[in-house]
PDB file of N, CA and C in Angstrom:
ATOM      1  N   UNK A   1       6.145  -8.913  -2.016  1.00  0.00           N
ATOM      2  CA  UNK A   1       5.825 -10.224  -1.623  1.00  0.00           C
ATOM      3  C   UNK A   1       4.483 -10.710  -2.364  1.00  0.00           C
ATOM      4  N   UNK A   2       4.495 -11.497  -3.047  1.00  0.00           N
ATOM      5  CA  UNK A   2       3.631 -12.229  -3.964  1.00  0.00           C
ATOM      6  C   UNK A   2       2.900 -13.312  -3.496  1.00  0.00           C
ATOM      7  N   UNK A   3       1.382 -13.438  -3.370  1.00  0.00           N
ATOM      8  CA  UNK A   3       0.923 -14.472  -3.381  1.00  0.00           C
ATOM      9  C   UNK A   3      -0.501 -14.912  -4.084  1.00  0.00           C
ATOM     10  N   UNK A   4      -0.471 -16.210  -4.621  1.00  0.00           N
ATOM     11  CA  UNK A   4      -1.628 -16.605  -5.865  1.00  0.00           C
ATOM     12  C   UNK A   4      -2.654 -17.044  -5.087  1.00  0.00           C
ATOM     13  N   UNK A   5      -3.500 -16.590  -5.431  1.00  0.00           N
ATOM     14  CA  UNK A   5      -4.925 -17.071  -4.456  1.00  0.00           C
ATOM     15  C   UNK A   5      -5.854 -18.347  -5.609  1.00  0.00           C
ATOM     16  N   UNK A   6      -6.303 -19.083  -5.069  1.00  0.00           N
ATOM     17  CA  UNK A   6      -6.925 -20.377  -5.666  1.00  0.00           C
ATOM     18  C   UNK A   6      -7.656 -19.867  -6.502  1.00  0.00           C
ATOM     19  N   UNK A   7      -8.451 -18.519  -6.609  1.00  0.00           N
ATOM     20  CA  UNK A   7      -9.487 -17.795  -7.797  1.00  0.00           C
ATOM     21  C   UNK A   7      -8.840 -17.444  -8.549  1.00  0.00           C
ATOM     22  N   UNK A   8      -7.385 -16.930  -8.888  1.00  0.00           N
ATOM     23  CA  UNK A   8      -6.691 -16.684  -9.721  1.00  0.00           C
ATOM     24  C   UNK A   8      -6.290 -15.062  -9.793  1.00  0.00           C
ATOM     25  N   UNK A   9      -6.620 -14.728  -8.307  1.00  0.00           N
ATOM     26  CA  UNK A   9      -6.231 -13.483  -7.709  1.00  0.00           C
ATOM     27  C   UNK A   9      -4.843 -13.410  -7.279  1.00  0.00           C
ATOM     28  N   UNK A  10      -4.040 -12.131  -7.145  1.00  0.00           N
ATOM     29  CA  UNK A  10      -2.693 -11.979  -6.622  1.00  0.00           C
ATOM     30  C   UNK A  10      -2.589 -10.936  -5.334  1.00  0.00           C
ATOM     31  N   UNK A  11      -2.527 -11.265  -4.488  1.00  0.00           N
ATOM     32  CA  UNK A  11      -1.981 -10.713  -3.304  1.00  0.00           C
ATOM     33  C   UNK A  11      -0.758 -10.111  -3.244  1.00  0.00           C
ATOM     34  N   UNK A  12      -0.043  -8.676  -3.721  1.00  0.00           N
ATOM     35  CA  UNK A  12       1.030  -8.134  -3.544  1.00  0.00           C
ATOM     36  C   UNK A  12       1.037  -7.320  -2.582  1.00  0.00           C
ATOM     37  N   UNK A  13       2.196  -7.189  -1.768  1.00  0.00           N
ATOM     38  CA  UNK A  13       2.648  -6.687  -0.585  1.00  0.00           C
ATOM     39  C   UNK A  13       3.853  -5.786  -0.394  1.00  0.00           C
ATOM     40  N   UNK A  14       4.008  -4.846  -0.706  1.00  0.00           N
ATOM     41  CA  UNK A  14       5.295  -3.916  -0.401  1.00  0.00           C
ATOM     42  C   UNK A  14       5.848  -2.633   0.621  1.00  0.00           C
ATOM     43  N   UNK A  15       7.105  -2.677   0.716  1.00  0.00           N
ATOM     44  CA  UNK A  15       7.480  -1.742   1.469  1.00  0.00           C
ATOM     45  C   UNK A  15       8.386  -0.623   0.580  1.00  0.00           C
ATOM     46  N   UNK A  16       8.274   0.349   0.438  1.00  0.00           N
ATOM     47  CA  UNK A  16       9.111   1.754  -0.659  1.00  0.00           C
ATOM     48  C   UNK A  16       9.464   2.499   0.314  1.00  0.00           C
ATOM     49  N   UNK A  17      10.242   2.454   1.180  1.00  0.00           N
ATOM     50  CA  UNK A  17      10.855   3.687   1.830  1.00  0.00           C
ATOM     51  C   UNK A  17      10.843   4.844   0.827  1.00  0.00           C
ATOM     52  N   UNK A  18      10.595   6.221   1.274  1.00  0.00           N
ATOM     53  CA  UNK A  18      11.678   7.315   0.375  1.00  0.00           C
ATOM     54  C   UNK A  18      10.192   7.397  -0.460  1.00  0.00           C
ATOM     55  N   UNK A  19       9.493   6.533  -1.157  1.00  0.00           N
ATOM     56  CA  UNK A  19       8.573   6.806  -2.088  1.00  0.00           C
ATOM     57  C   UNK A  19       7.308   7.500  -1.397  1.00  0.00           C
ATOM     58  N   UNK A  20       6.339   8.417  -2.428  1.00  0.00           N
ATOM     59  CA  UNK A  20       5.072   8.732  -2.188  1.00  0.00           C
ATOM     60  C   UNK A  20       4.239   7.573  -2.374  1.00  0.00           C
ATOM     61  N   UNK A  21       4.150   7.236  -3.487  1.00  0.00           N
ATOM     62  CA  UNK A  21       3.236   5.988  -3.687  1.00  0.00           C
ATOM     63  C   UNK A  21       3.955   4.944  -4.543  1.00  0.00           C
ATOM     64  N   UNK A  22       3.358   3.832  -4.955  1.00  0.00           N
ATOM     65  CA  UNK A  22       3.842   2.839  -5.565  1.00  0.00           C
ATOM     66  C   UNK A  22       2.480   2.867  -6.913  1.00  0.00           C
ATOM     67  N   UNK A  23       2.955   2.448  -8.392  1.00  0.00           N
ATOM     68  CA  UNK A  23       2.086   1.907  -9.293  1.00  0.00           C
ATOM     69  C   UNK A  23       2.482   0.473  -9.378  1.00  0.00           C
ATOM     70  N   UNK A  24       1.473  -0.130  -9.537  1.00  0.00           N
ATOM     71  CA  UNK A  24       1.739  -1.429 -10.137  1.00  0.00           C
ATOM     72  C   UNK A  24       1.067  -1.893 -11.335  1.00  0.00           C
ATOM     73  N   UNK A  25       1.873  -2.436 -12.125  1.00  0.00           N
ATOM     74  CA  UNK A  25       1.747  -2.419 -13.876  1.00  0.00           C
ATOM     75  C   UNK A  25       1.518  -3.989 -13.661  1.00  0.00           C
ATOM     76  N   UNK A  26       0.764  -4.632 -14.770  1.00  0.00           N
ATOM     77  CA  UNK A  26       0.922  -5.954 -15.479  1.00  0.00           C
ATOM     78  C   UNK A  26       0.514  -5.949 -16.752  1.00  0.00           C
ATOM     79  N   UNK A  27       0.923  -6.748 -17.522  1.00  0.00           N
ATOM     80  CA  UNK A  27       0.229  -6.794 -19.159  1.00  0.00           C
ATOM     81  C   UNK A  27       0.532  -5.236 -20.005  1.00  0.00           C
ATOM     82  N   UNK A  28       0.988  -4.424 -19.225  1.00  0.00           N
ATOM     83  CA  UNK A  28       1.377  -3.147 -19.884  1.00  0.00           C
ATOM     84  C   UNK A  28       0.199  -2.091 -19.331  1.00  0.00           C
ATOM     85  N   UNK A  29      -0.171  -2.315 -18.147  1.00  0.00           N
ATOM     86  CA  UNK A  29      -1.280  -1.408 -17.921  1.00  0.00           C
ATOM     87  C   UNK A  29      -1.215  -1.253 -16.250  1.00  0.00           C
ATOM     88  N   UNK A  30      -1.391  -0.062 -15.728  1.00  0.00           N
ATOM     89  CA  UNK A  30      -1.733   0.076 -14.878  1.00  0.00           C
ATOM     90  C   UNK A  30      -2.459  -1.028 -13.810  1.00  0.00           C
ATOM     91  N   UNK A  31      -2.592  -1.550 -13.023  1.00  0.00           N
ATOM     92  CA  UNK A  31      -3.203  -2.135 -12.478  1.00  0.00           C
ATOM     93  C   UNK A  31      -4.030  -1.568 -10.686  1.00  0.00           C
ATOM     94  N   UNK A  32      -2.949  -0.751 -10.366  1.00  0.00           N
ATOM     95  CA  UNK A  32      -3.248  -0.153  -9.038  1.00  0.00           C
ATOM     96  C   UNK A  32      -1.946   0.512  -8.818  1.00  0.00           C
ATOM     97  N   UNK A  33      -2.986   1.871  -7.959  1.00  0.00           N
ATOM     98  CA  UNK A  33      -1.913   2.708  -7.224  1.00  0.00           C
ATOM     99  C   UNK A  33      -2.152   2.948  -6.069  1.00  0.00           C
ATOM    100  N   UNK A  34      -1.055   2.545  -5.360  1.00  0.00           N
ATOM    101  CA  UNK A  34      -1.240   2.652  -3.980  1.00  0.00           C
ATOM    102  C   UNK A  34      -0.158   3.581  -3.070  1.00  0.00           C
ATOM    103  N   UNK A  35      -0.399   3.439  -1.771  1.00  0.00           N
ATOM    104  CA  UNK A  35       0.829   4.111  -0.978  1.00  0.00           C
ATOM    105  C   UNK A  35       2.234   3.573  -1.148  1.00  0.00           C
ATOM    106  N   UNK A  36       3.115   4.580  -0.177  1.00  0.00           N
ATOM    107  CA  UNK A  36       4.477   3.749  -0.397  1.00  0.00           C
ATOM    108  C   UNK A  36       4.572   2.214   0.418  1.00  0.00           C
ATOM    109  N   UNK A  37       3.287   2.057   1.274  1.00  0.00           N
ATOM    110  CA  UNK A  37       3.705   0.556   1.720  1.00  0.00           C
ATOM    111  C   UNK A  37       2.415   0.118   2.297  1.00  0.00           C
ATOM    112  N   UNK A  38       2.260  -1.007   1.942  1.00  0.00           N
ATOM    113  CA  UNK A  38       0.815  -1.655   1.970  1.00  0.00           C
ATOM    114  C   UNK A  38       0.483  -2.833   0.972  1.00  0.00           C
ATOM    115  N   UNK A  39      -0.492  -3.079   0.437  1.00  0.00           N
ATOM    116  CA  UNK A  39      -0.897  -4.240  -0.360  1.00  0.00           C
ATOM    117  C   UNK A  39      -1.865  -4.036  -1.024  1.00  0.00           C
ATOM    118  N   UNK A  40      -2.126  -4.881  -1.836  1.00  0.00           N
ATOM    119  CA  UNK A  40      -3.559  -4.661  -3.138  1.00  0.00           C
ATOM    120  C   UNK A  40      -3.664  -6.323  -3.407  1.00  0.00           C
ATOM    121  N   UNK A  41      -4.738  -6.439  -3.853  1.00  0.00           N
ATOM    122  CA  UNK A  41      -5.332  -7.822  -4.637  1.00  0.00           C
ATOM    123  C   UNK A  41      -5.565  -7.350  -5.963  1.00  0.00           C
ATOM    124  N   UNK A  42      -5.253  -8.097  -6.857  1.00  0.00           N
ATOM    125  CA  UNK A  42      -5.299  -7.858  -8.155  1.00  0.00           C
ATOM    126  C   UNK A  42      -6.253  -8.821  -8.523  1.00  0.00           C
ATOM    127  N   UNK A  43      -7.213  -8.656  -9.173  1.00  0.00           N
ATOM    128  CA  UNK A  43      -8.118  -9.904  -9.876  1.00  0.00           C
ATOM    129  C   UNK A  43      -8.223  -9.390 -11.419  1.00  0.00           C
ATOM    130  N   UNK A  44      -8.876 -10.603 -12.142  1.00  0.00           N
ATOM    131  CA  UNK A  44      -9.283 -10.003 -13.472  1.00  0.00           C
ATOM    132  C   UNK A  44      -8.239 -10.083 -14.858  1.00  0.00           C
ATOM    133  N   UNK A  45      -7.092 -10.301 -14.365  1.00  0.00           N
ATOM    134  CA  UNK A  45      -5.969 -10.613 -15.238  1.00  0.00           C
ATOM    135  C   UNK A  45      -6.309 -11.873 -16.121  1.00  0.00           C
ATOM    136  N   UNK A  46      -5.675 -12.038 -17.169  1.00  0.00           N
ATOM    137  CA  UNK A  46      -5.666 -12.950 -18.059  1.00  0.00           C
ATOM    138  C   UNK A  46      -5.229 -14.056 -17.830  1.00  0.00           C
ATOM    139  N   UNK A  47      -5.533 -15.357 -18.159  1.00  0.00           N
ATOM    140  CA  UNK A  47      -5.326 -16.633 -16.899  1.00  0.00           C
ATOM    141  C   UNK A  47      -3.437 -16.627 -18.459  1.00  0.00           C
ATOM    142  N   UNK A  48      -2.666 -17.416 -17.722  1.00  0.00           N
ATOM    143  CA  UNK A  48      -1.771 -17.892 -18.135  1.00  0.00           C
ATOM    144  C   UNK A  48      -0.796 -18.686 -17.047  1.00  0.00           C
ATOM    145  N   UNK A  49       0.406 -18.953 -17.595  1.00  0.00           N
ATOM    146  CA  UNK A  49       1.792 -19.518 -16.706  1.00  0.00           C
ATOM    147  C   UNK A  49       1.998 -19.052 -15.875  1.00  0.00           C
ATOM    148  N   UNK A  50       2.085 -17.605 -15.835  1.00  0.00           N
ATOM    149  CA  UNK A  50       2.728 -16.747 -15.099  1.00  0.00           C
ATOM    150  C   UNK A  50       1.958 -15.457 -15.385  1.00  0.00           C
ATOM    151  N   UNK A  51       2.545 -14.463 -14.014  1.00  0.00           N
ATOM    152  CA  UNK A  51       2.317 -13.097 -14.190  1.00  0.00           C
ATOM    153  C   UNK A  51       3.103 -12.299 -13.876  1.00  0.00           C
ATOM    154  N   UNK A  52       3.645 -11.229 -14.733  1.00  0.00           N
ATOM    155  CA  UNK A  52       4.990 -10.314 -14.429  1.00  0.00           C
ATOM    156  C   UNK A  52       4.202  -8.960 -13.779  1.00  0.00           C
ATOM    157  N   UNK A  53       4.635  -8.638 -12.663  1.00  0.00           N
ATOM    158  CA  UNK A  53       4.313  -7.486 -12.016  1.00  0.00           C
ATOM    159  C   UNK A  53       5.285  -6.428 -12.132  1.00  0.00           C
ATOM    160  N   UNK A  54       5.302  -4.766 -12.088  1.00  0.00           N
ATOM    161  CA  UNK A  54       6.162  -4.176 -12.167  1.00  0.00           C
ATOM    162  C   UNK A  54       5.574  -3.164 -11.213  1.00  0.00           C
ATOM    163  N   UNK A  55       6.322  -2.929  -9.829  1.00  0.00           N
ATOM    164  CA  UNK A  55       6.206  -1.982  -9.139  1.00  0.00           C
ATOM    165  C   UNK A  55       6.848  -0.952  -9.159  1.00  0.00           C
ATOM    166  N   UNK A  56       6.599   0.377  -9.633  1.00  0.00           N
ATOM    167  CA  UNK A  56       7.068   1.419  -9.838  1.00  0.00           C
ATOM    168  C   UNK A  56       6.821   2.434  -8.722  1.00  0.00           C
ATOM    169  N   UNK A  57       7.735   2.753  -7.900  1.00  0.00           N
ATOM    170  CA  UNK A  57       7.524   3.682  -6.940  1.00  0.00           C
ATOM    171  C   UNK A  57       7.406   5.028  -7.522  1.00  0.00           C
ATOM    172  N   UNK A  58       6.892   6.351  -7.017  1.00  0.00           N
ATOM    173  CA  UNK A  58       6.974   7.431  -7.439  1.00  0.00           C
ATOM    174  C   UNK A  58       7.414   8.319  -6.344  1.00  0.00           C
ATOM    175  N   UNK A  59       8.788   8.910  -6.121  1.00  0.00           N
ATOM    176  CA  UNK A  59       9.606   9.614  -4.644  1.00  0.00           C
ATOM    177  C   UNK A  59       9.376  11.129  -5.278  1.00  0.00           C
ATOM    178  N   UNK A  60       8.648  11.332  -6.318  1.00  0.00           N
ATOM    179  CA  UNK A  60       8.489  13.239  -6.378  1.00  0.00           C
ATOM    180  C   UNK A  60       9.538  13.439  -6.931  1.00  0.00           C
ATOM    181  N   UNK A  61       9.941  14.538  -6.500  1.00  0.00           N
ATOM    182  CA  UNK A  61      11.245  15.267  -7.002  1.00  0.00           C
ATOM    183  C   UNK A  61      12.376  14.815  -6.580  1.00  0.00           C
ATOM    184  N   UNK A  62      12.501  13.990  -5.510  1.00  0.00           N
ATOM    185  CA  UNK A  62      13.577  13.152  -4.731  1.00  0.00           C
ATOM    186  C   UNK A  62      14.157  12.352  -5.909  1.00  0.00           C
ATOM    187  N   UNK A  63      13.537  11.851  -7.079  1.00  0.00           N
ATOM    188  CA  UNK A  63      13.664  10.999  -7.673  1.00  0.00           C
ATOM    189  C   UNK A  63      14.723  11.325  -8.585  1.00  0.00           C
ATOM    190  N   UNK A  64      15.756  10.518  -8.951  1.00  0.00           N
ATOM    191  CA  UNK A  64      16.952  11.003 -10.450  1.00  0.00           C
ATOM    192  C   UNK A  64      16.195  10.397 -11.637  1.00  0.00           C
ATOM    193  N   UNK A  65      16.142  11.704 -12.799  1.00  0.00           N
ATOM    194  CA  UNK A  65      15.371  11.307 -13.700  1.00  0.00           C
ATOM    195  C   UNK A  65      17.087  10.742 -14.583  1.00  0.00           C
ATOM    196  N   UNK A  66      16.527  10.022 -15.625  1.00  0.00           N
ATOM    197  CA  UNK A  66      17.578   9.428 -16.582  1.00  0.00           C
ATOM    198  C   UNK A  66      18.117  10.523 -17.537  1.00  0.00           C
ATOM    199  N   UNK A  67      17.729  11.652 -17.285  1.00  0.00           N
ATOM    200  CA  UNK A  67      18.652  12.553 -17.952  1.00  0.00           C
ATOM    201  C   UNK A  67      19.359  13.432 -17.204  1.00  0.00           C
ATOM    202  N   UNK A  68      19.476  13.262 -15.899  1.00  0.00           N
ATOM    203  CA  UNK A  68      20.555  14.032 -14.877  1.00  0.00           C
ATOM    204  C   UNK A  68      19.485  14.818 -14.151  1.00  0.00           C
TER     205      UNK A  68
END
């Protein structure tokens, strides 16, 4: 879930069953690292029409690698 604050902040919440942690990426950089379930408020991103976030789970050795 994503909520945009009046101050330009972004509140992101998630649940990632099976993950150990989640990294949140914006503008090509990691802006937060948190647990498998939770939320974070991101501030200080450049102003623009939209912000795109990628939430990347870290599920340790249970993740399938692209090489098999």
